Protein backbone atom coordinates (compact mmCIF):
# COMPACT_ATOMS: atom_id res chain seq x y z
CA UNK A 1 80.13 123.70 94.50
CA UNK A 2 83.12 123.16 92.33
CA UNK A 3 85.77 125.59 91.86
CA UNK A 4 88.53 126.19 89.40
CA UNK A 5 91.82 128.31 89.06
CA UNK A 6 92.84 130.01 85.86
CA UNK A 7 95.44 131.73 84.35
CA UNK A 8 95.75 134.22 81.62
CA UNK A 9 98.93 135.78 81.25
CA UNK A 10 100.00 137.34 84.53
CA UNK A 11 96.55 137.26 85.75
CA UNK A 12 95.06 134.63 87.95
CA UNK A 13 91.43 133.92 88.78
CA UNK A 14 89.02 131.63 90.38
CA UNK A 15 85.89 130.72 88.82
CA UNK A 16 82.88 128.96 90.17
CA UNK A 17 81.45 126.00 87.44
CA UNK A 18 78.48 126.51 86.17
CA UNK A 19 78.94 123.96 83.41
CA UNK A 20 78.97 124.85 80.19
CA UNK A 21 80.23 128.21 81.74
CA UNK A 22 82.52 129.17 84.38
CA UNK A 23 81.66 132.49 86.67
CA UNK A 24 84.80 134.33 87.93
CA UNK A 25 84.87 135.64 91.35
CA UNK A 26 85.70 138.97 92.36
CA UNK A 27 88.44 140.12 94.68
CA UNK A 28 90.09 136.52 94.92
CA UNK A 29 93.06 135.06 92.55
CA UNK A 30 93.34 131.39 94.52
CA UNK A 31 91.32 129.47 96.29
CA UNK A 32 93.81 129.42 98.83
CA UNK A 33 92.99 132.96 99.46
CA UNK A 34 89.22 131.97 99.49
CA UNK A 35 89.79 129.40 102.15
CA UNK A 36 92.18 131.44 104.62
CA UNK A 37 89.56 134.38 104.41
CA UNK A 38 86.80 131.83 105.35
CA UNK A 39 88.90 130.57 108.39
CA UNK A 40 89.72 134.04 109.54
CA UNK A 41 86.02 135.03 109.29
CA UNK A 42 84.66 132.11 110.77
CA UNK A 43 82.48 131.69 107.54
CA UNK A 44 81.44 128.35 105.30
CA UNK A 45 83.79 128.32 102.21
CA UNK A 46 80.66 128.46 99.94
CA UNK A 47 79.18 131.72 101.79
CA UNK A 48 82.61 133.61 100.84
CA UNK A 49 82.35 132.28 97.04
CA UNK A 50 78.56 133.42 96.73
CA UNK A 51 79.40 137.01 98.03
CA UNK A 52 82.14 137.47 95.57
CA UNK A 53 80.49 135.92 92.15
CA UNK A 54 80.72 138.25 88.98
CA UNK A 55 79.26 139.11 86.01
CA UNK A 56 82.19 138.00 83.79
CA UNK A 57 81.24 134.17 82.45
CA UNK A 58 84.01 132.12 80.24
CA UNK A 59 83.48 129.27 77.71
CA UNK A 60 84.57 126.39 79.98
CA UNK A 61 84.64 123.82 76.80
CA UNK A 62 87.06 126.28 75.23
CA UNK A 63 89.48 126.27 78.18
CA UNK A 64 89.12 122.51 78.87
CA UNK A 65 89.98 121.81 75.52
CA UNK A 66 93.16 124.19 75.69
CA UNK A 67 91.94 126.90 73.23
CA UNK A 68 91.78 130.61 73.93
CA UNK A 69 93.72 132.94 76.69
CA UNK A 70 92.95 131.25 79.55
CA UNK A 71 94.41 128.17 80.93
CA UNK A 72 93.50 125.67 83.59
CA UNK A 73 95.59 125.57 86.82
CA UNK A 74 95.59 122.90 89.37
CA UNK A 75 92.39 123.93 91.40
CA UNK A 76 94.02 123.99 94.63
CA UNK A 77 97.81 125.24 95.80
CA UNK A 78 99.55 127.40 98.09
CA UNK A 79 100.30 130.66 95.23
CA UNK A 80 103.10 132.59 96.76
CA UNK A 81 105.40 129.40 98.48
CA UNK A 82 104.77 126.15 96.75
CA UNK A 83 107.52 124.51 98.79
CA UNK A 84 104.94 125.19 101.59
CA UNK A 85 102.38 122.59 99.86
CA UNK A 86 103.22 119.26 101.30
CA UNK A 87 101.47 116.71 98.76
CA UNK A 88 101.28 113.29 100.71
CA UNK A 89 99.28 109.91 100.16
CA UNK A 90 98.01 106.66 101.53
CA UNK A 91 98.39 103.21 100.30
CA UNK A 92 96.35 100.09 100.69
CA UNK A 93 93.23 101.76 101.72
CA UNK A 94 90.56 100.57 98.98
CA UNK A 95 88.92 97.12 99.65
CA UNK A 96 88.77 96.81 95.73
CA UNK A 97 92.75 96.33 96.05
CA UNK A 98 92.23 92.95 98.23
CA UNK A 99 91.59 91.05 94.94
CA UNK A 100 95.26 91.21 94.38
CA UNK A 101 95.70 90.02 98.06
CA UNK A 102 93.08 87.19 98.23
CA UNK A 103 95.97 84.34 99.18
CA UNK A 104 96.52 86.22 102.74
CA UNK A 105 93.04 84.39 103.63
CA UNK A 106 94.76 81.28 102.92
CA UNK A 107 98.15 81.52 104.52
CA UNK A 108 99.62 81.74 107.96
CA UNK A 109 100.53 84.87 109.47
CA UNK A 110 104.35 84.18 109.32
CA UNK A 111 103.49 83.95 105.26
CA UNK A 112 102.30 87.42 104.58
CA UNK A 113 103.95 90.02 102.87
CA UNK A 114 104.38 93.64 104.81
CA UNK A 115 102.14 94.80 102.53
CA UNK A 116 99.21 92.16 103.05
CA UNK A 117 99.75 92.52 107.09
CA UNK A 118 99.22 96.01 106.94
CA UNK A 119 96.26 95.40 104.45
CA UNK A 120 94.87 93.42 106.72
CA UNK A 121 95.72 95.73 110.03
CA UNK A 122 93.73 98.42 108.09
CA UNK A 123 90.60 96.23 107.50
CA UNK A 124 90.22 95.08 111.08
CA UNK A 125 91.31 98.68 112.89
CA UNK A 126 91.08 101.25 110.39
CA UNK A 127 87.47 102.33 110.96
CA UNK A 128 87.54 103.20 114.34
CA UNK A 129 84.23 103.71 116.76
CA UNK A 130 83.65 107.64 117.26
CA UNK A 131 86.00 108.92 119.74
CA UNK A 132 88.62 106.18 119.37
CA UNK A 133 91.85 106.07 117.22
CA UNK A 134 92.27 103.72 114.76
CA UNK A 135 95.40 101.70 113.50
CA UNK A 136 97.73 103.71 111.24
CA UNK A 137 97.54 103.32 107.59
CA UNK A 138 100.55 103.28 105.12
CA UNK A 139 101.62 106.86 104.65
CA UNK A 140 104.19 108.21 102.19
CA UNK A 141 105.62 111.50 100.73
CA UNK A 142 105.05 112.35 97.47
CA UNK A 143 106.84 115.92 97.22
CA UNK A 144 105.63 119.43 97.34
CA UNK A 145 103.67 122.21 95.75
CA UNK A 146 106.33 122.05 92.48
CA UNK A 147 105.38 118.80 91.67
CA UNK A 148 101.47 119.26 91.16
CA UNK A 149 100.32 119.53 87.41
CA UNK A 150 97.13 120.78 85.76
CA UNK A 151 94.51 119.15 83.57
CA UNK A 152 96.34 118.83 80.17
CA UNK A 153 99.69 119.09 81.59
CA UNK A 154 102.29 116.21 80.79
CA UNK A 155 103.33 113.72 83.56
CA UNK A 156 107.12 112.95 83.11
CA UNK A 157 109.19 109.62 83.39
CA UNK A 158 112.11 111.09 84.46
CA UNK A 159 115.40 109.78 82.87
CA UNK A 160 116.72 108.02 86.16
CA UNK A 161 112.92 106.41 86.41
CA UNK A 162 112.57 102.60 85.33
CA UNK A 163 108.69 103.30 84.42
CA UNK A 164 105.83 105.35 85.05
CA UNK A 165 102.22 104.57 85.54
CA UNK A 166 98.85 106.20 86.55
CA UNK A 167 97.08 105.90 89.77
CA UNK A 168 93.58 107.33 89.95
CA UNK A 169 92.93 108.61 93.21
CA UNK A 170 90.75 111.01 94.82
CA UNK A 171 92.81 113.92 96.87
CA UNK A 172 91.72 115.81 99.64
CA UNK A 173 92.94 119.21 100.05
CA UNK A 174 93.51 121.06 103.30
CA UNK A 175 94.84 124.48 104.89
CA UNK A 176 96.20 124.64 108.45
CA UNK A 177 94.58 127.86 110.15
CA UNK A 178 96.69 130.64 112.00
CA UNK A 179 96.30 128.57 115.22
CA UNK A 180 97.62 125.28 113.60
CA UNK A 181 93.96 123.47 113.20
CA UNK A 182 93.56 121.80 109.96
CA UNK A 183 90.82 122.41 107.84
CA UNK A 184 89.66 120.52 104.51
CA UNK A 185 88.68 122.41 101.85
CA UNK A 186 87.35 119.92 99.43
CA UNK A 187 88.42 117.13 97.15
CA UNK A 188 89.73 116.51 93.46
CA UNK A 189 90.42 113.57 91.12
CA UNK A 190 94.08 112.74 90.98
CA UNK A 191 96.54 111.00 89.26
CA UNK A 192 99.17 110.04 91.75
CA UNK A 193 101.63 108.81 89.13
CA UNK A 194 104.53 106.16 90.20
CA UNK A 195 107.24 104.33 89.08
CA UNK A 196 105.52 100.60 89.54
CA UNK A 197 108.54 98.91 88.17
CA UNK A 198 111.14 100.19 90.56
CA UNK A 199 108.71 99.76 93.71
CA UNK A 200 108.34 96.01 92.40
CA UNK A 201 112.14 95.08 92.75
CA UNK A 202 111.83 95.61 96.63
CA UNK A 203 109.09 97.15 98.66
CA UNK A 204 111.75 99.39 100.35
CA UNK A 205 111.92 101.36 96.98
CA UNK A 206 108.17 102.69 97.68
CA UNK A 207 109.65 105.97 99.08
CA UNK A 208 111.28 106.59 95.81
CA UNK A 209 108.95 105.43 93.66
CA UNK A 210 106.53 108.28 94.82
CA UNK A 211 108.69 111.22 94.29
CA UNK A 212 107.38 112.68 91.02
CA UNK A 213 104.88 114.61 89.28
CA UNK A 214 101.31 114.08 89.84
CA UNK A 215 98.26 115.91 88.58
CA UNK A 216 95.20 117.56 90.14
CA UNK A 217 91.84 118.63 88.99
CA UNK A 218 90.33 120.13 87.13
CA UNK A 219 87.69 120.99 89.37
CA UNK A 220 87.87 121.16 93.53
CA UNK A 221 84.64 119.90 95.10
CA UNK A 222 83.72 121.82 98.17
CA UNK A 223 82.17 119.84 101.13
CA UNK A 224 81.42 116.74 99.03
CA UNK A 225 79.46 113.42 99.61
CA UNK A 226 82.27 111.06 99.57
CA UNK A 227 80.48 107.64 100.81
CA UNK A 228 80.58 105.66 97.54
CA UNK A 229 82.16 107.33 94.54
CA UNK A 230 82.10 105.49 91.08
CA UNK A 231 85.09 106.46 88.58
CA UNK A 232 86.81 105.35 85.47
CA UNK A 233 90.39 105.29 84.67
CA UNK A 234 91.79 104.57 81.23
CA UNK A 235 94.77 104.82 78.89
CA UNK A 236 94.50 106.12 75.17
CA UNK A 237 97.09 105.58 72.95
CA UNK A 238 97.18 106.73 68.94
CA UNK A 239 93.83 108.15 69.41
CA UNK A 240 92.37 104.71 70.85
CA UNK A 241 91.35 103.04 74.16
CA UNK A 242 94.30 101.14 74.96
CA UNK A 243 93.16 99.89 78.63
CA UNK A 244 90.40 101.04 80.85
CA UNK A 245 88.75 100.01 84.67
CA UNK A 246 85.54 101.04 86.13
CA UNK A 247 86.77 102.05 89.89
CA UNK A 248 85.20 103.05 93.01
CA UNK A 249 86.33 105.32 95.80
CA UNK A 250 84.67 106.66 99.04
CA UNK A 251 84.32 105.72 102.62
CA UNK A 252 82.30 102.93 102.14
CA UNK A 253 84.84 101.73 99.45
CA UNK A 254 87.64 101.84 101.84
CA UNK A 255 89.13 99.99 105.03
CA UNK A 256 90.27 103.32 106.90
CA UNK A 257 87.92 106.02 107.57
CA UNK A 258 88.49 109.32 106.18
CA UNK A 259 88.74 110.55 109.89
CA UNK A 260 91.20 108.07 110.75
CA UNK A 261 93.31 109.01 107.65
CA UNK A 262 93.19 112.81 108.45
CA UNK A 263 93.90 112.04 112.43
CA UNK A 264 97.02 109.72 111.37
CA UNK A 265 98.54 112.57 108.90
CA UNK A 266 97.73 115.52 110.84
CA UNK A 267 98.92 114.29 114.22
CA UNK A 268 102.23 115.15 112.85
CA UNK A 269 103.40 118.51 114.40
CA UNK A 270 105.00 119.37 111.50
CA UNK A 271 101.96 118.81 109.49
CA UNK A 272 100.33 121.54 111.39
CA UNK A 273 102.52 124.64 110.08
CA UNK A 274 99.92 127.76 110.23
CA UNK A 275 99.43 128.58 106.52
CA UNK A 276 100.82 125.74 105.13
CA UNK A 277 98.70 123.75 102.38
CA UNK A 278 98.24 119.71 102.27
CA UNK A 279 97.20 117.35 99.22
CA UNK A 280 96.74 114.40 100.29
CA UNK A 281 96.01 111.30 97.86
CA UNK A 282 93.76 108.75 99.32
CA UNK A 283 94.52 105.30 97.30
CA UNK A 284 94.07 103.54 94.11
CA UNK A 285 91.30 100.96 93.34
CA UNK A 286 93.25 99.63 90.14
CA UNK A 287 96.51 99.99 88.03
CA UNK A 288 97.19 99.50 84.50
CA UNK A 289 100.65 98.25 85.48
CA UNK A 290 98.91 95.21 87.07
CA UNK A 291 97.43 94.25 84.10
CA UNK A 292 100.68 94.22 82.20
CA UNK A 293 100.47 97.86 80.71
CA UNK A 294 103.69 99.97 79.89
CA UNK A 295 103.03 103.50 79.27
CA UNK A 296 104.68 105.07 76.40
CA UNK A 297 105.66 108.63 75.06
CA UNK A 298 102.32 110.48 73.97
CA UNK A 299 99.61 108.08 75.87
CA UNK A 300 97.14 109.88 77.63
CA UNK A 301 95.69 108.92 81.02
CA UNK A 302 92.28 109.75 82.04
CA UNK A 303 90.87 109.94 85.47
CA UNK A 304 87.20 110.99 86.09
CA UNK A 305 84.85 110.29 89.41
CA UNK A 306 80.97 110.62 89.01
CA UNK A 307 80.21 114.22 90.81
CA UNK A 308 83.35 115.75 90.97
CA UNK A 309 83.49 117.41 87.38
CA UNK A 310 85.07 117.11 83.95
CA UNK A 311 87.63 114.56 83.77
CA UNK A 312 91.42 114.90 84.51
CA UNK A 313 93.60 114.22 81.11
CA UNK A 314 97.36 114.21 81.04
CA UNK A 315 99.79 113.00 78.40
CA UNK A 316 102.67 111.18 79.08
CA UNK A 317 106.21 112.68 78.54
CA UNK A 318 109.10 110.18 78.52
CA UNK A 319 112.66 111.78 79.02
CA UNK A 320 115.65 109.60 77.89
CA UNK A 321 117.67 107.46 80.26
CA UNK A 322 120.20 108.89 82.33
CA UNK A 323 123.91 107.92 81.01
CA UNK A 324 125.78 109.39 83.81
CA UNK A 325 125.58 110.53 87.39
CA UNK A 326 124.10 113.96 88.92
CA UNK A 327 127.63 115.50 90.08
CA UNK A 328 127.42 117.67 93.73
CA UNK A 329 129.97 120.20 93.78
CA UNK A 330 131.89 120.80 96.94
CA UNK A 331 131.95 124.22 98.33
CA UNK A 332 135.18 123.16 100.38
């Protein structure tokens, strides 16, 4: 089952994807509300959706292309308090990224970079036996719900940034129940987007390189099979493909199990606030930055994964470089 969120003026809605159509649901304006209802009633989310399908059907293609009165939103959010949506991610998770780290097998431990060490730790201990706790992954904070963009919305390279580049990933989305129990709602394609040039200067810049907009969607897949998921990422410039790569995600493509990543995210009490939302990016396979591509204003990034609905497309917007520092005013 795949869901989308929509807006038309002041009206919000949720719809089930029945490609080439979208079927609106009765009584719910957000997937968040659906998920809360499922938890509170002790029912499966799919059952709540099926019980509330309406007879109102929309043309998905027109909405996907940005035509008409309806607009796609990100497929999951905290609709009332976006600051209660924690956006985070996990790096060094995918076995495909090992191609850039092959040298670590030929060098001594004392010569390895910290990122190579952490990647190897994940290969060795990221998939623990049932009931055991594996090694902790690399983890980073991305922002809150105000940073999340929908399909078709621009991802901005800020004036203070050195660069901006796509990171095609799957994102898992969660709510926390009233008793502090986390629940996985589903997964959606995402573009984690980061400043790789700033990070390249020094790995300690990683935290700052991640604090910027990202995108999610257009569809949320409920209870997907996440074993081996092929996909594709591409960059278009002036209507032509500039760069593209076949990619893959899923547990068989990763050195960490999904359960291990979830344990190390939700082990923190601050990540188990009742009613909170979490969007967690699960790691990238390939980056255009690694092939020397530098994104320009107007470029379009596209991310797709088989079985997870239509492609996520976002144009790049480049702000003018900042020429003066931001000044803080004293209240003293």
